[in-house]
Amino acid sequence: MADPNDVRRIAMSLPGAEDASSPQRLAFEVGGKGFAWSWLERTEPKGPRRPRLDVLAVRCPREAKEILIALLNAAHVDDPHYQGYPAVVFRLDGVDEDRLAHLLETGWRCIAKAAAVKAFDAARGR
């Protein structure tokens, strides 16, 4: 099962990825835009949100969100704040490294410039 160290290692292997994390939360960007970040949990109504290092939000295409939620199965975290937003939220201990890599790459592809995605695919023989 994945952990924050896996997130950091995989996210930073993506071209142009930047680590904008702090000790309290994970945050990864490309071109100044976030593609993966720690979920901010609200433990009481209207109370402050607190970052959870064990739960990650990753950007995704709107049209793929329901498919990704189904793939995440029990690892998916349902948060009304993310309804209609192009991101999925999931517990790290509910995904293996391969699934985590797929999700992070999906998020990166949503944000990265087309030329970077094309070069990335070419380097991987796609």
N, C-alpha and C. Protein backbone atom coordinates (compact mmCIF):
# COMPACT_ATOMS: atom_id res chain seq x y z
N MET A 1 0.82 -1.17 0.00
CA MET A 1 0.00 0.00 0.00
C MET A 1 0.88 1.25 0.00
N ALA A 2 0.36 2.30 -0.57
CA ALA A 2 1.15 3.52 -0.77
C ALA A 2 1.21 4.37 0.49
N ASP A 3 2.24 5.22 0.55
CA ASP A 3 2.40 6.16 1.65
C ASP A 3 2.90 7.49 1.11
N PRO A 4 3.02 8.53 1.95
CA PRO A 4 3.45 9.84 1.46
C PRO A 4 4.81 9.82 0.75
N ASN A 5 5.72 8.95 1.18
CA ASN A 5 7.02 8.86 0.49
C ASN A 5 6.86 8.36 -0.94
N ASP A 6 5.94 7.43 -1.15
CA ASP A 6 5.66 6.95 -2.51
C ASP A 6 5.07 8.08 -3.35
N VAL A 7 4.17 8.85 -2.77
CA VAL A 7 3.57 9.97 -3.49
C VAL A 7 4.67 10.92 -3.95
N ARG A 8 5.54 11.30 -3.04
CA ARG A 8 6.62 12.24 -3.37
C ARG A 8 7.52 11.67 -4.47
N ARG A 9 7.94 10.45 -4.33
CA ARG A 9 8.85 9.83 -5.31
C ARG A 9 8.21 9.77 -6.70
N ILE A 10 6.97 9.32 -6.77
CA ILE A 10 6.29 9.18 -8.06
C ILE A 10 5.97 10.54 -8.66
N ALA A 11 5.44 11.45 -7.85
CA ALA A 11 5.09 12.78 -8.37
C ALA A 11 6.31 13.49 -8.92
N MET A 12 7.42 13.41 -8.21
CA MET A 12 8.62 14.11 -8.64
C MET A 12 9.31 13.45 -9.83
N SER A 13 8.87 12.26 -10.21
CA SER A 13 9.42 11.62 -11.41
C SER A 13 8.75 12.13 -12.68
N LEU A 14 7.69 12.90 -12.53
CA LEU A 14 6.97 13.44 -13.69
C LEU A 14 7.63 14.73 -14.15
N PRO A 15 7.77 14.92 -15.47
CA PRO A 15 8.49 16.09 -15.99
C PRO A 15 7.90 17.41 -15.51
N GLY A 16 8.78 18.28 -15.02
CA GLY A 16 8.37 19.61 -14.59
C GLY A 16 7.66 19.67 -13.26
N ALA A 17 7.51 18.53 -12.60
CA ALA A 17 6.80 18.52 -11.30
C ALA A 17 7.60 19.28 -10.26
N GLU A 18 6.89 20.01 -9.43
CA GLU A 18 7.48 20.78 -8.35
C GLU A 18 6.85 20.34 -7.04
N ASP A 19 7.67 20.21 -6.02
CA ASP A 19 7.19 19.84 -4.70
C ASP A 19 6.91 21.11 -3.91
N ALA A 20 5.65 21.41 -3.68
CA ALA A 20 5.24 22.58 -2.91
C ALA A 20 4.72 22.16 -1.53
N SER A 21 5.18 20.99 -1.08
CA SER A 21 4.72 20.44 0.20
C SER A 21 5.29 21.21 1.38
N SER A 22 4.65 21.00 2.52
CA SER A 22 5.15 21.49 3.81
C SER A 22 5.19 20.27 4.73
N PRO A 23 5.72 20.43 5.93
CA PRO A 23 5.70 19.27 6.84
C PRO A 23 4.29 18.77 7.15
N GLN A 24 3.29 19.66 7.04
CA GLN A 24 1.92 19.28 7.39
C GLN A 24 1.12 18.72 6.22
N ARG A 25 1.54 19.03 4.98
CA ARG A 25 0.73 18.58 3.85
C ARG A 25 1.57 18.38 2.60
N LEU A 26 1.06 17.48 1.74
CA LEU A 26 1.67 17.23 0.44
C LEU A 26 1.04 18.17 -0.58
N ALA A 27 1.84 18.63 -1.53
CA ALA A 27 1.32 19.46 -2.61
C ALA A 27 2.31 19.39 -3.78
N PHE A 28 1.79 19.02 -4.95
CA PHE A 28 2.64 18.90 -6.14
C PHE A 28 2.02 19.69 -7.27
N GLU A 29 2.88 20.39 -7.99
CA GLU A 29 2.44 21.29 -9.05
C GLU A 29 3.26 21.05 -10.32
N VAL A 30 2.72 21.55 -11.41
CA VAL A 30 3.47 21.67 -12.65
C VAL A 30 3.04 23.01 -13.25
N GLY A 31 4.02 23.84 -13.57
CA GLY A 31 3.71 25.17 -14.09
C GLY A 31 2.93 26.03 -13.12
N GLY A 32 3.12 25.80 -11.82
CA GLY A 32 2.43 26.60 -10.80
C GLY A 32 1.01 26.18 -10.51
N LYS A 33 0.55 25.09 -11.14
CA LYS A 33 -0.82 24.61 -10.91
C LYS A 33 -0.76 23.23 -10.25
N GLY A 34 -1.62 23.04 -9.25
CA GLY A 34 -1.61 21.80 -8.49
C GLY A 34 -2.21 20.62 -9.24
N PHE A 35 -1.54 19.46 -9.12
CA PHE A 35 -2.12 18.24 -9.67
C PHE A 35 -2.33 17.18 -8.61
N ALA A 36 -1.76 17.35 -7.41
CA ALA A 36 -1.98 16.42 -6.30
C ALA A 36 -1.71 17.15 -4.99
N TRP A 37 -2.54 16.88 -3.98
CA TRP A 37 -2.40 17.58 -2.71
C TRP A 37 -3.07 16.77 -1.61
N SER A 38 -2.65 17.03 -0.38
CA SER A 38 -3.28 16.39 0.77
C SER A 38 -4.72 16.88 0.90
N TRP A 39 -5.59 15.95 1.22
CA TRP A 39 -6.99 16.28 1.46
C TRP A 39 -7.09 17.06 2.75
N LEU A 40 -7.94 18.06 2.75
CA LEU A 40 -8.18 18.87 3.94
C LEU A 40 -9.50 18.44 4.56
N GLU A 41 -9.42 17.80 5.70
CA GLU A 41 -10.60 17.26 6.37
C GLU A 41 -11.22 18.30 7.29
N ARG A 42 -12.53 18.37 7.25
CA ARG A 42 -13.26 19.24 8.19
C ARG A 42 -13.88 18.30 9.23
N THR A 43 -13.42 18.40 10.47
CA THR A 43 -13.89 17.50 11.51
C THR A 43 -15.15 17.99 12.21
N GLU A 44 -15.44 19.29 12.08
CA GLU A 44 -16.68 19.83 12.65
C GLU A 44 -17.26 20.85 11.68
N PRO A 45 -18.59 20.92 11.60
CA PRO A 45 -19.20 21.86 10.66
C PRO A 45 -18.67 23.28 10.84
N LYS A 46 -18.33 23.90 9.73
CA LYS A 46 -17.81 25.27 9.69
C LYS A 46 -16.50 25.44 10.43
N GLY A 47 -15.90 24.33 10.89
CA GLY A 47 -14.60 24.38 11.54
C GLY A 47 -13.49 24.43 10.50
N PRO A 48 -12.27 24.62 10.96
CA PRO A 48 -11.16 24.68 10.01
C PRO A 48 -10.89 23.31 9.39
N ARG A 49 -10.36 23.34 8.19
CA ARG A 49 -9.95 22.10 7.54
C ARG A 49 -8.51 21.78 7.96
N ARG A 50 -8.25 20.50 8.17
CA ARG A 50 -6.93 20.06 8.58
C ARG A 50 -6.38 19.05 7.57
N PRO A 51 -5.11 19.24 7.17
CA PRO A 51 -4.55 18.33 6.18
C PRO A 51 -4.36 16.93 6.73
N ARG A 52 -4.58 15.95 5.86
CA ARG A 52 -4.37 14.54 6.19
C ARG A 52 -3.33 13.99 5.23
N LEU A 53 -2.18 13.60 5.75
CA LEU A 53 -1.12 13.05 4.91
C LEU A 53 -1.46 11.68 4.36
N ASP A 54 -2.45 11.02 4.95
CA ASP A 54 -2.82 9.68 4.51
C ASP A 54 -3.93 9.67 3.46
N VAL A 55 -4.42 10.86 3.08
CA VAL A 55 -5.49 10.97 2.09
C VAL A 55 -5.05 12.00 1.05
N LEU A 56 -5.16 11.62 -0.22
CA LEU A 56 -4.68 12.46 -1.30
C LEU A 56 -5.81 12.85 -2.24
N ALA A 57 -5.76 14.07 -2.75
CA ALA A 57 -6.65 14.53 -3.81
C ALA A 57 -5.79 14.67 -5.06
N VAL A 58 -6.30 14.18 -6.19
CA VAL A 58 -5.57 14.25 -7.45
C VAL A 58 -6.51 14.74 -8.53
N ARG A 59 -6.05 15.72 -9.29
CA ARG A 59 -6.85 16.27 -10.38
C ARG A 59 -7.11 15.17 -11.42
N CYS A 60 -8.26 15.26 -12.08
CA CYS A 60 -8.61 14.30 -13.13
C CYS A 60 -9.52 14.98 -14.14
N PRO A 61 -9.61 14.42 -15.32
CA PRO A 61 -10.58 14.96 -16.29
C PRO A 61 -12.00 14.72 -15.76
N ARG A 62 -12.87 15.69 -15.93
CA ARG A 62 -14.25 15.54 -15.46
C ARG A 62 -14.90 14.27 -16.01
N GLU A 63 -14.65 13.99 -17.30
CA GLU A 63 -15.30 12.84 -17.93
C GLU A 63 -14.77 11.50 -17.42
N ALA A 64 -13.63 11.50 -16.73
CA ALA A 64 -13.07 10.26 -16.21
C ALA A 64 -13.29 10.08 -14.71
N LYS A 65 -13.85 11.07 -14.06
CA LYS A 65 -13.96 11.04 -12.60
C LYS A 65 -14.73 9.82 -12.08
N GLU A 66 -15.88 9.55 -12.64
CA GLU A 66 -16.68 8.41 -12.15
C GLU A 66 -15.98 7.08 -12.37
N ILE A 67 -15.26 6.96 -13.47
CA ILE A 67 -14.49 5.74 -13.74
C ILE A 67 -13.39 5.58 -12.70
N LEU A 68 -12.68 6.67 -12.40
CA LEU A 68 -11.61 6.60 -11.41
C LEU A 68 -12.16 6.29 -10.02
N ILE A 69 -13.30 6.85 -9.68
CA ILE A 69 -13.93 6.55 -8.39
C ILE A 69 -14.25 5.05 -8.30
N ALA A 70 -14.77 4.50 -9.38
CA ALA A 70 -15.08 3.06 -9.39
C ALA A 70 -13.81 2.22 -9.25
N LEU A 71 -12.72 2.64 -9.89
CA LEU A 71 -11.45 1.92 -9.77
C LEU A 71 -10.89 2.01 -8.35
N LEU A 72 -11.12 3.13 -7.69
CA LEU A 72 -10.63 3.30 -6.33
C LEU A 72 -11.41 2.47 -5.33
N ASN A 73 -12.67 2.18 -5.65
CA ASN A 73 -13.52 1.35 -4.82
C ASN A 73 -13.53 1.86 -3.37
N ALA A 74 -13.18 1.03 -2.42
CA ALA A 74 -13.28 1.38 -1.01
C ALA A 74 -12.26 2.43 -0.58
N ALA A 75 -11.23 2.68 -1.38
CA ALA A 75 -10.23 3.69 -1.03
C ALA A 75 -10.75 5.11 -1.26
N HIS A 76 -11.81 5.23 -2.08
CA HIS A 76 -12.36 6.55 -2.39
C HIS A 76 -12.94 7.21 -1.15
N VAL A 77 -12.66 8.50 -1.00
CA VAL A 77 -13.22 9.29 0.09
C VAL A 77 -14.24 10.24 -0.54
N ASP A 78 -15.46 10.14 -0.07
CA ASP A 78 -16.52 10.99 -0.61
C ASP A 78 -16.56 12.29 0.20
N ASP A 79 -16.30 13.39 -0.47
CA ASP A 79 -16.31 14.69 0.18
C ASP A 79 -17.19 15.62 -0.65
N PRO A 80 -18.26 16.15 -0.07
CA PRO A 80 -19.15 17.03 -0.83
C PRO A 80 -18.42 18.23 -1.44
N HIS A 81 -17.34 18.66 -0.81
CA HIS A 81 -16.55 19.78 -1.32
C HIS A 81 -16.01 19.49 -2.73
N TYR A 82 -15.80 18.22 -3.05
CA TYR A 82 -15.23 17.84 -4.35
C TYR A 82 -16.28 17.44 -5.38
N GLN A 83 -17.56 17.47 -5.02
CA GLN A 83 -18.59 17.15 -6.00
C GLN A 83 -18.57 18.20 -7.11
N GLY A 84 -18.48 17.73 -8.34
CA GLY A 84 -18.43 18.63 -9.48
C GLY A 84 -17.05 19.20 -9.75
N TYR A 85 -16.08 18.91 -8.89
CA TYR A 85 -14.72 19.40 -9.08
C TYR A 85 -13.89 18.30 -9.75
N PRO A 86 -13.02 18.64 -10.68
CA PRO A 86 -12.27 17.62 -11.41
C PRO A 86 -11.10 17.05 -10.60
N ALA A 87 -11.42 16.31 -9.55
CA ALA A 87 -10.41 15.65 -8.73
C ALA A 87 -11.05 14.48 -8.00
N VAL A 88 -10.22 13.48 -7.70
CA VAL A 88 -10.67 12.35 -6.89
C VAL A 88 -9.88 12.37 -5.58
N VAL A 89 -10.51 11.88 -4.52
CA VAL A 89 -9.90 11.85 -3.19
C VAL A 89 -9.88 10.40 -2.74
N PHE A 90 -8.72 9.97 -2.21
CA PHE A 90 -8.60 8.56 -1.82
C PHE A 90 -7.58 8.38 -0.71
N ARG A 91 -7.78 7.29 0.04
CA ARG A 91 -6.86 6.91 1.11
C ARG A 91 -5.64 6.22 0.49
N LEU A 92 -4.47 6.64 0.88
CA LEU A 92 -3.25 6.06 0.32
C LEU A 92 -3.12 4.58 0.65
N ASP A 93 -3.56 4.18 1.84
CA ASP A 93 -3.42 2.76 2.21
C ASP A 93 -4.36 1.85 1.43
N GLY A 94 -5.23 2.45 0.61
CA GLY A 94 -6.16 1.66 -0.19
C GLY A 94 -5.73 1.48 -1.63
N VAL A 95 -4.54 2.00 -1.99
CA VAL A 95 -4.04 1.86 -3.36
C VAL A 95 -2.62 1.32 -3.35
N ASP A 96 -2.28 0.57 -4.38
CA ASP A 96 -0.90 0.11 -4.51
C ASP A 96 -0.12 1.14 -5.33
N GLU A 97 1.19 0.94 -5.44
CA GLU A 97 2.03 1.91 -6.13
C GLU A 97 1.67 2.08 -7.60
N ASP A 98 1.28 1.00 -8.27
CA ASP A 98 0.92 1.10 -9.69
C ASP A 98 -0.32 1.98 -9.88
N ARG A 99 -1.33 1.78 -9.04
CA ARG A 99 -2.53 2.60 -9.14
C ARG A 99 -2.22 4.05 -8.78
N LEU A 100 -1.40 4.25 -7.76
CA LEU A 100 -1.00 5.60 -7.37
C LEU A 100 -0.26 6.28 -8.53
N ALA A 101 0.64 5.57 -9.17
CA ALA A 101 1.38 6.14 -10.30
C ALA A 101 0.42 6.53 -11.43
N HIS A 102 -0.56 5.68 -11.70
CA HIS A 102 -1.55 5.99 -12.74
C HIS A 102 -2.34 7.25 -12.38
N LEU A 103 -2.77 7.35 -11.14
CA LEU A 103 -3.55 8.51 -10.70
C LEU A 103 -2.73 9.80 -10.76
N LEU A 104 -1.48 9.73 -10.29
CA LEU A 104 -0.63 10.92 -10.33
C LEU A 104 -0.32 11.35 -11.76
N GLU A 105 -0.07 10.38 -12.63
CA GLU A 105 0.17 10.71 -14.03
C GLU A 105 -1.08 11.33 -14.66
N THR A 106 -2.24 10.81 -14.32
CA THR A 106 -3.49 11.38 -14.82
C THR A 106 -3.62 12.84 -14.39
N GLY A 107 -3.35 13.11 -13.12
CA GLY A 107 -3.42 14.48 -12.63
C GLY A 107 -2.41 15.38 -13.31
N TRP A 108 -1.20 14.88 -13.48
CA TRP A 108 -0.15 15.64 -14.15
C TRP A 108 -0.57 15.97 -15.59
N ARG A 109 -1.12 15.00 -16.30
CA ARG A 109 -1.55 15.21 -17.69
C ARG A 109 -2.62 16.31 -17.80
N CYS A 110 -3.44 16.45 -16.78
CA CYS A 110 -4.48 17.48 -16.80
C CYS A 110 -3.89 18.88 -16.77
N ILE A 111 -2.72 19.03 -16.20
CA ILE A 111 -2.12 20.34 -15.96
C ILE A 111 -0.95 20.64 -16.88
N ALA A 112 -0.16 19.62 -17.20
CA ALA A 112 1.06 19.83 -17.99
C ALA A 112 0.76 20.36 -19.39
N LYS A 113 1.69 21.10 -19.93
CA LYS A 113 1.55 21.62 -21.30
C LYS A 113 1.56 20.45 -22.28
N ALA A 114 0.85 20.62 -23.39
CA ALA A 114 0.73 19.57 -24.40
C ALA A 114 2.09 19.09 -24.88
N ALA A 115 3.05 19.99 -25.05
CA ALA A 115 4.38 19.60 -25.53
C ALA A 115 5.08 18.70 -24.52
N ALA A 116 4.90 18.97 -23.23
CA ALA A 116 5.51 18.13 -22.19
C ALA A 116 4.89 16.74 -22.19
N VAL A 117 3.57 16.68 -22.35
CA VAL A 117 2.88 15.39 -22.40
C VAL A 117 3.34 14.60 -23.62
N LYS A 118 3.46 15.26 -24.76
CA LYS A 118 3.90 14.61 -25.99
C LYS A 118 5.32 14.06 -25.83
N ALA A 119 6.21 14.85 -25.26
CA ALA A 119 7.59 14.40 -25.04
C ALA A 119 7.64 13.24 -24.06
N PHE A 120 6.83 13.30 -23.02
CA PHE A 120 6.77 12.24 -22.02
C PHE A 120 6.32 10.93 -22.67
N ASP A 121 5.26 11.03 -23.49
CA ASP A 121 4.75 9.84 -24.18
C ASP A 121 5.78 9.28 -25.16
N ALA A 122 6.46 10.14 -25.89
CA ALA A 122 7.48 9.71 -26.84
C ALA A 122 8.62 8.99 -26.13
N ALA A 123 9.02 9.51 -24.99
CA ALA A 123 10.11 8.88 -24.23
C ALA A 123 9.71 7.51 -23.71
N ARG A 124 8.42 7.29 -23.53
CA ARG A 124 7.93 6.01 -23.03
C ARG A 124 7.45 5.10 -24.16
N GLY A 125 7.65 5.53 -25.39
CA GLY A 125 7.27 4.71 -26.55
C GLY A 125 5.78 4.65 -26.81
N ARG A 126 5.08 5.70 -26.47
CA ARG A 126 3.62 5.73 -26.70
C ARG A 126 3.31 6.47 -27.96
